[in-house]
Amino acid sequence: MAEQAGGRRKGQQPAAGPARRASDRGRYGRLSRERVLTCALELVDREGLSALSMRHLGAELGVEAMALYRYAEGKDALLDGLVEALYLELEERLSGEPERGGSDAGRDWRAELHRFALAAYDVCLSHPHVVPLIATRMLAVPLARRPLAVLRDHERVLVLLREAGLDDAAASAAFRACTAWLLGYITVELRPMVDNPEESDPAFRLGLHRMPAQELPVLRGTAAALAERGGPEALLAGLDVLLDRFARPS
């Protein structure tokens, strides 16, 4: 017989159907961008940035890695998403706290900048592995292409500086200075200082025996003090020095 039932020739393969794509329904249901970024943040918090990959993240969500590309075009987009997640958490924290002095021109702009700096400090210390991305991704991504949550953060700070009476030039200079201080301060706070956490002796705990005493006497002498975090009080003290430099006298 030349043909089989249904009209298909003997040995002929069935016609190919529509191309099959990786499902984005994982062990927690259908994915969303928020779920992908939340899981990525949890993964990096737990295992560090080096552990982040599409394959590893897909395994965490219970989907194929290819399913993630509809929410992040690649590794760089995923890294930008981590920065976005950090700023979204900052927004959420700020929205849950009352503004100082109201929401109009009568509010205390300096107190609001303090509130912002403290919230940023807390969020960054909660996600230390993501903090380096705030600098590195901003070096790679032009202003207009940054996540909207990041741009809203810029807008918030600039509005407060305008409320302080600064014109565009002064507000821009103050914005750059305050941003550099906040990011630099947090980066210093997060630097690893302990060489051997199992040591009880402070000198051996810090690994001072690895540092040549003749060449580095002052550094060795202040290492214990450097290992202590400055905390939020020192953060605000430095911020106020900058604000006093730019703000107009009342």
C-alpha atoms as a PDB file:
ATOM      1  CA  MET A   1       0.000   0.000   0.000  1.00  0.00           C
ATOM      2  CA  ALA A   2       1.501   3.362  -1.043  1.00  0.00           C
ATOM      3  CA  GLU A   3      -0.105   5.393   1.763  1.00  0.00           C
ATOM      4  CA  GLN A   4      -1.011   4.821   5.378  1.00  0.00           C
ATOM      5  CA  ALA A   5      -4.344   5.782   6.869  1.00  0.00           C
ATOM      6  CA  GLY A   6      -4.652   9.555   7.150  1.00  0.00           C
ATOM      7  CA  GLY A   7      -2.753  10.163   3.908  1.00  0.00           C
ATOM      8  CA  ARG A   8       0.832  10.072   5.263  1.00  0.00           C
ATOM      9  CA  ARG A   9       3.365   8.236   3.097  1.00  0.00           C
ATOM     10  CA  LYS A  10       5.109   5.291   4.673  1.00  0.00           C
ATOM     11  CA  GLY A  11       8.243   6.358   6.564  1.00  0.00           C
ATOM     12  CA  GLN A  12       7.351  10.033   6.393  1.00  0.00           C
ATOM     13  CA  GLN A  13       7.660  11.928   9.715  1.00  0.00           C
ATOM     14  CA  PRO A  14       4.715  13.945  11.050  1.00  0.00           C
ATOM     15  CA  ALA A  15       4.782  17.616  10.134  1.00  0.00           C
ATOM     16  CA  ALA A  16       6.585  19.740  12.685  1.00  0.00           C
ATOM     17  CA  GLY A  17       4.313  21.788  14.944  1.00  0.00           C
ATOM     18  CA  PRO A  18       4.973  25.266  16.355  1.00  0.00           C
ATOM     19  CA  ALA A  19       8.427  25.750  17.894  1.00  0.00           C
ATOM     20  CA  ARG A  20       8.362  24.831  21.571  1.00  0.00           C
ATOM     21  CA  ARG A  21       9.732  27.383  24.014  1.00  0.00           C
ATOM     22  CA  ALA A  22      10.980  26.927  27.526  1.00  0.00           C
ATOM     23  CA  SER A  23       8.120  27.110  30.013  1.00  0.00           C
ATOM     24  CA  ASP A  24       8.243  29.866  32.614  1.00  0.00           C
ATOM     25  CA  ARG A  25       6.017  28.005  35.035  1.00  0.00           C
ATOM     26  CA  GLY A  26       8.322  26.979  37.845  1.00  0.00           C
ATOM     27  CA  ARG A  27       7.870  25.330  41.169  1.00  0.00           C
ATOM     28  CA  TYR A  28       6.284  28.531  42.536  1.00  0.00           C
ATOM     29  CA  GLY A  29       3.892  29.093  39.633  1.00  0.00           C
ATOM     30  CA  ARG A  30       4.300  31.365  36.638  1.00  0.00           C
ATOM     31  CA  LEU A  31       7.250  33.722  36.747  1.00  0.00           C
ATOM     32  CA  SER A  32       7.198  37.498  36.843  1.00  0.00           C
ATOM     33  CA  ARG A  33      10.016  40.025  36.666  1.00  0.00           C
ATOM     34  CA  GLU A  34       9.553  40.775  40.356  1.00  0.00           C
ATOM     35  CA  ARG A  35       9.840  37.079  41.260  1.00  0.00           C
ATOM     36  CA  VAL A  36      12.943  36.624  39.107  1.00  0.00           C
ATOM     37  CA  LEU A  37      14.690  39.644  40.646  1.00  0.00           C
ATOM     38  CA  THR A  38      13.689  38.686  44.181  1.00  0.00           C
ATOM     39  CA  CYS A  39      15.105  35.202  43.706  1.00  0.00           C
ATOM     40  CA  ALA A  40      18.289  36.604  42.136  1.00  0.00           C
ATOM     41  CA  LEU A  41      18.745  38.917  45.123  1.00  0.00           C
ATOM     42  CA  GLU A  42      18.238  36.046  47.567  1.00  0.00           C
ATOM     43  CA  LEU A  43      20.739  33.919  45.654  1.00  0.00           C
ATOM     44  CA  VAL A  44      23.397  36.632  45.673  1.00  0.00           C
ATOM     45  CA  ASP A  45      22.775  37.390  49.352  1.00  0.00           C
ATOM     46  CA  ARG A  46      23.332  33.728  50.146  1.00  0.00           C
ATOM     47  CA  GLU A  47      26.158  32.743  47.783  1.00  0.00           C
ATOM     48  CA  GLY A  48      27.682  35.953  46.392  1.00  0.00           C
ATOM     49  CA  LEU A  49      27.764  37.512  42.941  1.00  0.00           C
ATOM     50  CA  SER A  50      29.999  34.804  41.500  1.00  0.00           C
ATOM     51  CA  ALA A  51      27.174  32.279  41.989  1.00  0.00           C
ATOM     52  CA  LEU A  52      24.721  34.219  39.808  1.00  0.00           C
ATOM     53  CA  SER A  53      24.070  32.730  36.379  1.00  0.00           C
ATOM     54  CA  MET A  54      20.977  32.122  34.275  1.00  0.00           C
ATOM     55  CA  ARG A  55      21.334  28.372  34.803  1.00  0.00           C
ATOM     56  CA  HIS A  56      21.718  28.625  38.578  1.00  0.00           C
ATOM     57  CA  LEU A  57      18.867  31.115  38.875  1.00  0.00           C
ATOM     58  CA  GLY A  58      16.655  28.926  36.684  1.00  0.00           C
ATOM     59  CA  ALA A  59      17.372  25.971  38.941  1.00  0.00           C
ATOM     60  CA  GLU A  60      16.410  28.036  41.980  1.00  0.00           C
ATOM     61  CA  LEU A  61      13.082  28.927  40.339  1.00  0.00           C
ATOM     62  CA  GLY A  62      12.486  25.458  38.916  1.00  0.00           C
ATOM     63  CA  VAL A  63      12.553  26.513  35.249  1.00  0.00           C
ATOM     64  CA  GLU A  64      14.920  26.204  32.307  1.00  0.00           C
ATOM     65  CA  ALA A  65      17.460  28.982  32.005  1.00  0.00           C
ATOM     66  CA  MET A  66      15.992  29.984  28.634  1.00  0.00           C
ATOM     67  CA  ALA A  67      12.707  30.896  30.339  1.00  0.00           C
ATOM     68  CA  LEU A  68      14.462  33.741  32.152  1.00  0.00           C
ATOM     69  CA  TYR A  69      15.417  35.633  29.014  1.00  0.00           C
ATOM     70  CA  ARG A  70      11.944  37.078  28.701  1.00  0.00           C
ATOM     71  CA  TYR A  71      12.550  38.873  32.034  1.00  0.00           C
ATOM     72  CA  ALA A  72      16.279  39.673  31.619  1.00  0.00           C
ATOM     73  CA  GLU A  73      17.992  39.710  28.230  1.00  0.00           C
ATOM     74  CA  GLY A  74      21.265  38.436  29.632  1.00  0.00           C
ATOM     75  CA  LYS A  75      23.714  38.586  32.514  1.00  0.00           C
ATOM     76  CA  ASP A  76      24.170  42.370  32.302  1.00  0.00           C
ATOM     77  CA  ALA A  77      20.407  42.886  32.383  1.00  0.00           C
ATOM     78  CA  LEU A  78      20.240  40.604  35.410  1.00  0.00           C
ATOM     79  CA  LEU A  79      22.913  42.657  37.175  1.00  0.00           C
ATOM     80  CA  ASP A  80      20.994  45.848  36.380  1.00  0.00           C
ATOM     81  CA  GLY A  81      17.932  44.107  37.783  1.00  0.00           C
ATOM     82  CA  LEU A  82      19.743  43.498  41.068  1.00  0.00           C
ATOM     83  CA  VAL A  83      20.486  47.219  41.332  1.00  0.00           C
ATOM     84  CA  GLU A  84      16.832  47.895  40.548  1.00  0.00           C
ATOM     85  CA  ALA A  85      15.729  45.464  43.276  1.00  0.00           C
ATOM     86  CA  LEU A  86      17.957  47.251  45.781  1.00  0.00           C
ATOM     87  CA  TYR A  87      16.463  50.646  44.939  1.00  0.00           C
ATOM     88  CA  LEU A  88      12.922  49.256  44.992  1.00  0.00           C
ATOM     89  CA  GLU A  89      13.576  47.993  48.511  1.00  0.00           C
ATOM     90  CA  LEU A  90      14.860  51.449  49.425  1.00  0.00           C
ATOM     91  CA  GLU A  91      11.683  53.026  48.014  1.00  0.00           C
ATOM     92  CA  GLU A  92       9.529  50.591  49.958  1.00  0.00           C
ATOM     93  CA  ARG A  93      11.374  51.353  53.178  1.00  0.00           C
ATOM     94  CA  LEU A  94      11.050  55.110  52.681  1.00  0.00           C
ATOM     95  CA  SER A  95       7.347  54.869  51.822  1.00  0.00           C
ATOM     96  CA  GLY A  96       6.749  53.043  55.096  1.00  0.00           C
ATOM     97  CA  GLU A  97       8.233  55.870  57.168  1.00  0.00           C
ATOM     98  CA  PRO A  98       6.642  59.296  57.746  1.00  0.00           C
ATOM     99  CA  GLU A  99       8.307  62.281  56.110  1.00  0.00           C
ATOM    100  CA  ARG A 100       9.888  64.857  58.367  1.00  0.00           C
ATOM    101  CA  GLY A 101       7.773  67.985  58.490  1.00  0.00           C
ATOM    102  CA  GLY A 102       5.191  67.022  55.863  1.00  0.00           C
ATOM    103  CA  SER A 103       5.268  66.476  52.119  1.00  0.00           C
ATOM    104  CA  ASP A 104       5.187  70.052  50.839  1.00  0.00           C
ATOM    105  CA  ALA A 105       7.687  72.895  50.781  1.00  0.00           C
ATOM    106  CA  GLY A 106       7.440  73.160  54.559  1.00  0.00           C
ATOM    107  CA  ARG A 107       9.130  69.842  55.210  1.00  0.00           C
ATOM    108  CA  ASP A 108      12.612  69.667  56.707  1.00  0.00           C
ATOM    109  CA  TRP A 109      14.801  68.960  53.667  1.00  0.00           C
ATOM    110  CA  ARG A 110      17.883  68.162  55.768  1.00  0.00           C
ATOM    111  CA  ALA A 111      15.981  65.714  57.954  1.00  0.00           C
ATOM    112  CA  GLU A 112      14.597  64.109  54.796  1.00  0.00           C
ATOM    113  CA  LEU A 113      18.107  63.686  53.392  1.00  0.00           C
ATOM    114  CA  HIS A 114      19.114  62.135  56.721  1.00  0.00           C
ATOM    115  CA  ARG A 115      16.161  59.748  56.471  1.00  0.00           C
ATOM    116  CA  PHE A 116      17.141  58.815  52.935  1.00  0.00           C
ATOM    117  CA  ALA A 117      20.815  58.242  53.851  1.00  0.00           C
ATOM    118  CA  LEU A 118      19.931  56.055  56.837  1.00  0.00           C
ATOM    119  CA  ALA A 119      17.511  53.957  54.784  1.00  0.00           C
ATOM    120  CA  ALA A 120      20.127  53.519  52.035  1.00  0.00           C
ATOM    121  CA  TYR A 121      22.699  52.521  54.658  1.00  0.00           C
ATOM    122  CA  ASP A 122      20.404  49.881  56.140  1.00  0.00           C
ATOM    123  CA  VAL A 123      19.395  48.442  52.759  1.00  0.00           C
ATOM    124  CA  CYS A 124      22.990  48.235  51.538  1.00  0.00           C
ATOM    125  CA  LEU A 125      24.217  46.556  54.709  1.00  0.00           C
ATOM    126  CA  SER A 126      21.416  44.010  54.269  1.00  0.00           C
ATOM    127  CA  HIS A 127      22.677  43.169  50.755  1.00  0.00           C
ATOM    128  CA  PRO A 128      26.466  43.657  50.888  1.00  0.00           C
ATOM    129  CA  HIS A 129      27.229  41.521  47.816  1.00  0.00           C
ATOM    130  CA  VAL A 130      25.077  43.768  45.613  1.00  0.00           C
ATOM    131  CA  VAL A 131      26.620  47.074  46.739  1.00  0.00           C
ATOM    132  CA  PRO A 132      29.591  46.938  44.282  1.00  0.00           C
ATOM    133  CA  LEU A 133      27.075  46.838  41.414  1.00  0.00           C
ATOM    134  CA  ILE A 134      25.781  50.295  42.355  1.00  0.00           C
ATOM    135  CA  ALA A 135      29.138  51.651  41.216  1.00  0.00           C
ATOM    136  CA  THR A 136      30.080  49.252  38.411  1.00  0.00           C
ATOM    137  CA  ARG A 137      26.699  49.244  36.652  1.00  0.00           C
ATOM    138  CA  MET A 138      26.447  53.038  36.872  1.00  0.00           C
ATOM    139  CA  LEU A 139      29.800  53.172  35.100  1.00  0.00           C
ATOM    140  CA  ALA A 140      28.391  51.009  32.315  1.00  0.00           C
ATOM    141  CA  VAL A 141      24.831  52.336  31.965  1.00  0.00           C
ATOM    142  CA  PRO A 142      24.004  55.876  30.733  1.00  0.00           C
ATOM    143  CA  LEU A 143      21.672  57.972  32.854  1.00  0.00           C
ATOM    144  CA  ALA A 144      18.565  57.592  30.683  1.00  0.00           C
ATOM    145  CA  ARG A 145      18.930  53.787  30.546  1.00  0.00           C
ATOM    146  CA  ARG A 146      19.134  53.244  34.287  1.00  0.00           C
ATOM    147  CA  PRO A 147      16.201  51.491  35.989  1.00  0.00           C
ATOM    148  CA  LEU A 148      13.296  53.786  36.793  1.00  0.00           C
ATOM    149  CA  ALA A 149      13.692  53.099  40.516  1.00  0.00           C
ATOM    150  CA  VAL A 150      17.253  54.479  40.315  1.00  0.00           C
ATOM    151  CA  LEU A 151      16.087  57.580  38.453  1.00  0.00           C
ATOM    152  CA  ARG A 152      13.346  58.172  41.033  1.00  0.00           C
ATOM    153  CA  ASP A 153      16.065  58.082  43.693  1.00  0.00           C
ATOM    154  CA  HIS A 154      18.054  60.731  41.812  1.00  0.00           C
ATOM    155  CA  GLU A 155      14.901  62.833  41.480  1.00  0.00           C
ATOM    156  CA  ARG A 156      14.126  62.548  45.193  1.00  0.00           C
ATOM    157  CA  VAL A 157      17.549  63.810  46.253  1.00  0.00           C
ATOM    158  CA  LEU A 158      17.652  66.637  43.694  1.00  0.00           C
ATOM    159  CA  VAL A 159      14.189  67.846  44.743  1.00  0.00           C
ATOM    160  CA  LEU A 160      15.328  68.028  48.368  1.00  0.00           C
ATOM    161  CA  LEU A 161      18.436  69.955  47.371  1.00  0.00           C
ATOM    162  CA  ARG A 162      16.287  72.394  45.423  1.00  0.00           C
ATOM    163  CA  GLU A 163      14.114  72.800  48.534  1.00  0.00           C
ATOM    164  CA  ALA A 164      17.319  73.756  50.345  1.00  0.00           C
ATOM    165  CA  GLY A 165      17.490  76.781  48.043  1.00  0.00           C
ATOM    166  CA  LEU A 166      20.192  75.510  45.682  1.00  0.00           C
ATOM    167  CA  ASP A 167      20.122  76.420  42.018  1.00  0.00           C
ATOM    168  CA  ASP A 168      20.767  73.811  39.317  1.00  0.00           C
ATOM    169  CA  ALA A 169      24.548  74.164  39.395  1.00  0.00           C
ATOM    170  CA  ALA A 170      24.813  74.017  43.190  1.00  0.00           C
ATOM    171  CA  ALA A 171      22.261  71.207  43.457  1.00  0.00           C
ATOM    172  CA  SER A 172      24.196  69.172  40.879  1.00  0.00           C
ATOM    173  CA  ALA A 173      27.464  69.682  42.740  1.00  0.00           C
ATOM    174  CA  ALA A 174      25.852  68.778  46.066  1.00  0.00           C
ATOM    175  CA  PHE A 175      24.204  65.728  44.495  1.00  0.00           C
ATOM    176  CA  ARG A 176      27.546  64.449  43.236  1.00  0.00           C
ATOM    177  CA  ALA A 177      29.253  65.093  46.573  1.00  0.00           C
ATOM    178  CA  CYS A 178      26.513  63.477  48.663  1.00  0.00           C
ATOM    179  CA  THR A 179      26.302  60.461  46.340  1.00  0.00           C
ATOM    180  CA  ALA A 180      30.068  59.968  46.482  1.00  0.00           C
ATOM    181  CA  TRP A 181      30.085  60.279  50.276  1.00  0.00           C
ATOM    182  CA  LEU A 182      27.212  57.844  50.803  1.00  0.00           C
ATOM    183  CA  LEU A 183      28.523  55.176  48.437  1.00  0.00           C
ATOM    184  CA  GLY A 184      32.112  55.598  49.606  1.00  0.00           C
ATOM    185  CA  TYR A 185      31.145  55.447  53.278  1.00  0.00           C
ATOM    186  CA  ILE A 186      29.081  52.286  52.799  1.00  0.00           C
ATOM    187  CA  THR A 187      31.877  50.669  50.781  1.00  0.00           C
ATOM    188  CA  VAL A 188      34.369  51.360  53.573  1.00  0.00           C
ATOM    189  CA  GLU A 189      31.913  49.991  56.143  1.00  0.00           C
ATOM    190  CA  LEU A 190      31.651  46.730  54.192  1.00  0.00           C
ATOM    191  CA  ARG A 191      35.380  46.134  53.626  1.00  0.00           C
ATOM    192  CA  PRO A 192      36.527  42.789  55.091  1.00  0.00           C
ATOM    193  CA  MET A 193      38.935  43.426  57.971  1.00  0.00           C
ATOM    194  CA  VAL A 194      39.053  40.159  59.907  1.00  0.00           C
ATOM    195  CA  ASP A 195      41.744  37.760  58.710  1.00  0.00           C
ATOM    196  CA  ASN A 196      40.856  34.809  60.946  1.00  0.00           C
ATOM    197  CA  PRO A 197      37.439  34.950  62.658  1.00  0.00           C
ATOM    198  CA  GLU A 198      38.277  31.915  64.806  1.00  0.00           C
ATOM    199  CA  GLU A 199      41.109  33.739  66.581  1.00  0.00           C
ATOM    200  CA  SER A 200      40.253  35.331  69.927  1.00  0.00           C
ATOM    201  CA  ASP A 201      43.393  37.473  70.141  1.00  0.00           C
ATOM    202  CA  PRO A 202      42.638  40.784  68.363  1.00  0.00           C
ATOM    203  CA  ALA A 203      46.055  40.997  66.705  1.00  0.00           C
ATOM    204  CA  PHE A 204      45.871  37.506  65.245  1.00  0.00           C
ATOM    205  CA  ARG A 205      42.204  37.960  64.419  1.00  0.00           C
ATOM    206  CA  LEU A 206      43.146  40.947  62.252  1.00  0.00           C
ATOM    207  CA  GLY A 207      46.246  39.210  60.898  1.00  0.00           C
ATOM    208  CA  LEU A 208      48.648  41.918  62.053  1.00  0.00           C
ATOM    209  CA  HIS A 209      51.482  39.396  62.028  1.00  0.00           C
ATOM    210  CA  ARG A 210      51.218  39.416  58.224  1.00  0.00           C
ATOM    211  CA  MET A 211      51.989  43.150  58.071  1.00  0.00           C
ATOM    212  CA  PRO A 212      55.664  44.279  58.355  1.00  0.00           C
ATOM    213  CA  ALA A 213      56.014  46.207  61.601  1.00  0.00           C
ATOM    214  CA  GLN A 214      58.883  48.396  60.370  1.00  0.00           C
ATOM    215  CA  GLU A 215      57.103  49.542  57.208  1.00  0.00           C
ATOM    216  CA  LEU A 216      53.556  49.905  58.550  1.00  0.00           C
ATOM    217  CA  PRO A 217      53.735  50.980  62.195  1.00  0.00           C
ATOM    218  CA  VAL A 218      50.865  53.484  62.055  1.00  0.00           C
ATOM    219  CA  LEU A 219      48.564  51.179  60.091  1.00  0.00           C
ATOM    220  CA  ARG A 220      49.227  48.316  62.512  1.00  0.00           C
ATOM    221  CA  GLY A 221      48.578  50.621  65.433  1.00  0.00           C
ATOM    222  CA  THR A 222      45.223  51.821  64.119  1.00  0.00           C
ATOM    223  CA  ALA A 223      44.044  48.565  62.533  1.00  0.00           C
ATOM    224  CA  ALA A 224      41.758  47.714  65.448  1.00  0.00           C
ATOM    225  CA  ALA A 225      40.062  51.124  65.246  1.00  0.00           C
ATOM    226  CA  LEU A 226      39.755  50.842  61.449  1.00  0.00           C
ATOM    227  CA  ALA A 227      38.056  47.487  61.858  1.00  0.00           C
ATOM    228  CA  GLU A 228      35.202  49.104  63.781  1.00  0.00           C
ATOM    229  CA  ARG A 229      32.286  50.396  61.737  1.00  0.00           C
ATOM    230  CA  GLY A 230      31.574  54.095  61.906  1.00  0.00           C
ATOM    231  CA  GLY A 231      27.843  53.456  61.998  1.00  0.00           C
ATOM    232  CA  PRO A 232      24.968  55.753  61.038  1.00  0.00           C
ATOM    233  CA  GLU A 233      26.083  58.576  63.328  1.00  0.00           C
ATOM    234  CA  ALA A 234      29.355  59.103  61.460  1.00  0.00           C
ATOM    235  CA  LEU A 235      27.509  58.769  58.156  1.00  0.00           C
ATOM    236  CA  LEU A 236      25.189  61.662  59.034  1.00  0.00           C
ATOM    237  CA  ALA A 237      28.006  63.756  60.505  1.00  0.00           C
ATOM    238  CA  GLY A 238      29.897  63.609  57.210  1.00  0.00           C
ATOM    239  CA  LEU A 239      26.736  64.282  55.232  1.00  0.00           C
ATOM    240  CA  ASP A 240      26.062  67.400  57.287  1.00  0.00           C
ATOM    241  CA  VAL A 241      29.569  68.714  56.588  1.00  0.00           C
ATOM    242  CA  LEU A 242      28.803  68.473  52.871  1.00  0.00           C
ATOM    243  CA  LEU A 243      25.354  70.005  53.200  1.00  0.00           C
ATOM    244  CA  ASP A 244      26.764  72.906  55.230  1.00  0.00           C
ATOM    245  CA  ARG A 245      29.243  73.497  52.430  1.00  0.00           C
ATOM    246  CA  PHE A 246      26.529  73.834  49.779  1.00  0.00           C
ATOM    247  CA  ALA A 247      23.380  75.023  51.575  1.00  0.00           C
ATOM    248  CA  ARG A 248      22.648  78.711  51.823  1.00  0.00           C
ATOM    249  CA  PRO A 249      22.764  80.236  55.306  1.00  0.00           C
ATOM    250  CA  SER A 250      19.309  80.465  56.887  1.00  0.00           C
END
